[in-house]
Protein backbone atom coordinates (compact mmCIF):
# COMPACT_ATOMS: atom_id res chain seq x y z
CA MET A 1 -13.46 -91.19 10.29
CA LEU A 2 -13.39 -93.11 13.54
CA ALA A 3 -17.21 -93.03 13.77
CA LEU A 4 -17.57 -94.41 10.23
CA LYS A 5 -15.05 -97.14 10.96
CA ARG A 6 -16.94 -98.14 14.11
CA LEU A 7 -20.26 -98.12 12.28
CA VAL A 8 -18.93 -100.39 9.52
CA THR A 9 -17.42 -102.74 12.11
CA ILE A 10 -20.77 -102.98 13.91
CA LEU A 11 -22.56 -103.67 10.61
CA VAL A 12 -20.09 -106.45 9.80
CA MET A 13 -20.60 -108.03 13.23
CA VAL A 14 -24.40 -107.88 12.92
CA PHE A 15 -24.24 -109.39 9.44
CA LEU A 16 -21.96 -112.18 10.67
CA LEU A 17 -24.35 -113.04 13.50
CA LEU A 18 -27.34 -112.96 11.15
CA ALA A 19 -25.58 -115.14 8.56
CA LEU A 20 -24.57 -117.68 11.23
CA LEU A 21 -28.15 -117.71 12.52
CA VAL A 22 -29.54 -118.32 9.02
CA LEU A 23 -27.00 -121.03 8.20
CA LEU A 24 -27.08 -122.94 11.51
CA VAL A 25 -30.69 -122.75 12.72
CA PRO A 26 -33.10 -124.63 10.38
CA SER A 27 -36.27 -122.80 11.50
CA VAL A 28 -34.71 -119.37 10.79
CA GLN A 29 -33.38 -120.71 7.50
CA THR A 30 -36.87 -121.83 6.35
CA SER A 31 -38.40 -118.46 7.27
CA PHE A 32 -35.68 -116.57 5.35
CA VAL A 33 -36.03 -118.96 2.37
CA GLY A 34 -39.75 -118.15 2.42
CA MET A 35 -38.94 -114.40 2.18
CA ALA A 36 -36.26 -114.90 -0.51
CA GLY A 37 -38.28 -117.36 -2.60
CA SER A 38 -35.66 -120.11 -2.91
CA PRO A 39 -32.54 -121.28 -1.05
CA GLN A 40 -30.36 -120.21 -3.97
CA ALA A 41 -31.74 -116.66 -3.86
CA LEU A 42 -31.14 -116.52 -0.08
CA TYR A 43 -27.52 -117.64 -0.40
CA TYR A 44 -26.97 -115.33 -3.34
CA SER A 45 -28.32 -112.31 -1.42
CA LEU A 46 -26.15 -113.27 1.62
CA LEU A 47 -23.12 -113.46 -0.69
CA ILE A 48 -23.85 -110.05 -2.23
CA ALA A 49 -24.30 -108.47 1.23
CA ALA A 50 -21.09 -110.10 2.49
CA VAL A 51 -19.08 -108.80 -0.50
CA VAL A 52 -20.43 -105.26 -0.08
CA LEU A 53 -19.74 -105.24 3.66
CA LEU A 54 -16.26 -106.69 3.19
CA ALA A 55 -15.40 -104.06 0.57
CA LEU A 56 -16.75 -101.30 2.81
CA HIS A 57 -14.82 -102.65 5.78
CA LEU A 58 -11.55 -102.88 3.81
CA LEU A 59 -12.05 -99.39 2.40
CA THR A 60 -12.59 -97.80 5.83
CA GLU A 61 -9.67 -99.69 7.38
CA ASN A 62 -7.27 -98.66 4.60
CA LEU A 63 -8.47 -95.06 4.66
CA ASP A 64 -8.01 -94.92 8.42
CA SER A 65 -4.53 -96.42 8.07
CA VAL A 66 -3.52 -93.85 5.46
CA LEU A 67 -4.79 -90.98 7.60
CA LEU A 68 -2.93 -92.30 10.65
CA ARG A 69 0.30 -92.64 8.66
CA ARG A 70 -0.03 -89.04 7.46
CA GLU A 71 -0.60 -87.84 11.00
CA VAL A 72 2.43 -89.78 12.24
CA ALA A 73 4.57 -88.29 9.44
CA VAL A 74 3.45 -84.77 10.39
CA GLN A 75 4.23 -85.43 14.05
CA GLU A 76 7.66 -86.85 13.16
CA ARG A 77 8.44 -83.73 11.10
CA LYS A 78 7.45 -81.57 14.08
CA VAL A 79 9.66 -83.64 16.39
CA ASN A 80 12.60 -83.36 13.98
CA GLU A 81 12.09 -79.59 13.71
CA LEU A 82 12.04 -79.27 17.49
CA LYS A 83 15.17 -81.42 17.76
CA ALA A 84 16.91 -79.17 15.22
CA ARG A 85 15.89 -76.06 17.17
CA LEU A 86 17.14 -77.62 20.40
CA TYR A 87 20.44 -78.57 18.77
CA ASP A 88 20.86 -75.05 17.36
CA HIS A 89 20.08 -73.56 20.76
CA GLN A 90 22.59 -75.87 22.47
CA MET A 91 25.28 -75.01 19.92
CA GLU A 92 24.62 -71.31 20.42
CA GLN A 93 24.87 -71.74 24.18
CA GLN A 94 28.13 -73.66 23.76
CA ARG A 95 29.57 -70.94 21.50
CA ALA A 96 28.50 -68.27 23.94
CA ALA A 97 30.18 -70.13 26.81
CA GLU A 98 33.43 -70.45 24.85
CA ARG A 99 33.58 -66.70 24.01
CA PRO A 100 35.24 -64.42 26.53
CA PRO A 101 32.76 -62.30 28.40
CA ILE A 102 32.29 -58.86 26.97
CA SER A 103 32.09 -55.96 29.39
CA PRO A 104 28.97 -53.95 28.82
CA ARG A 105 29.35 -50.46 27.46
CA THR A 106 27.80 -47.80 29.60
CA GLY A 107 28.08 -44.96 27.13
CA VAL A 108 30.14 -42.76 29.47
CA THR A 109 33.63 -41.77 28.37
CA THR A 110 36.18 -41.16 31.10
CA TYR A 111 39.55 -39.51 30.64
CA PRO A 112 42.58 -40.07 32.88
CA GLU A 113 43.72 -37.31 35.19
CA GLU A 114 47.34 -37.40 33.95
CA ALA A 115 48.68 -37.90 30.48
CA LEU A 116 49.50 -41.51 29.74
CA TYR A 117 52.22 -40.77 27.18
CA PRO A 118 55.13 -40.10 27.23
CA GLN A 119 56.00 -42.01 30.36
CA PRO A 120 59.57 -41.94 31.71
CA ASP A 121 61.44 -45.21 31.58
CA PRO A 122 64.34 -45.48 34.06
CA ASN A 123 66.12 -48.01 31.82
CA LEU A 124 66.61 -45.49 29.05
CA SER A 125 69.72 -43.28 29.01
CA ASN A 126 67.73 -40.19 28.19
CA ALA A 127 65.21 -40.74 30.97
CA SER A 128 64.50 -37.78 33.17
CA LEU A 129 66.02 -37.87 36.64
CA PRO A 130 64.10 -37.48 39.82
CA ASP A 131 64.03 -33.95 41.21
CA SER A 132 66.35 -34.73 44.18
CA ALA A 133 69.15 -36.20 42.05
CA THR A 134 71.94 -34.14 40.60
CA PRO A 135 72.43 -34.19 36.88
CA LEU A 136 75.08 -36.49 35.54
CA PRO A 137 78.07 -34.94 33.81
CA PRO A 138 78.66 -35.75 30.18
CA ALA A 139 80.54 -38.93 29.43
CA ASP A 140 83.62 -37.17 28.04
CA SER A 141 84.14 -34.99 31.12
CA PRO A 142 86.95 -35.81 33.65
CA ARG A 143 84.47 -36.37 36.53
CA ALA A 144 82.68 -39.23 34.79
CA VAL A 145 85.45 -41.69 35.62
């Protein structure tokens, strides 16, 4: 597309220079009138060529503009998609940072050496006494006073 646009632009510039040469230099004008047959035919052919070149130039410019706009829209969609991915990644990182760390499971089960339950509680009245202590008498016995 760019090559066609450049080619049309060069053709327009060459035509403009040729038209200015024909219109401003009398000797070139007489030689071109001799080829065209009459001044009216020369001006008419210059007008037809100018209209065709102008239409071609406008067509290539508009087509190039449309293609560039499409490309920009595609690039903007890609940028928005990348921004969304980045945002999702940042939110996931933030959620992961807020969660308490989880200890990894090794797959090995260990059991304690001693039984965990029942454990003696010294605050309870029915708790077992240490081996060196003597047992307490019942509450209704005369020695309990």
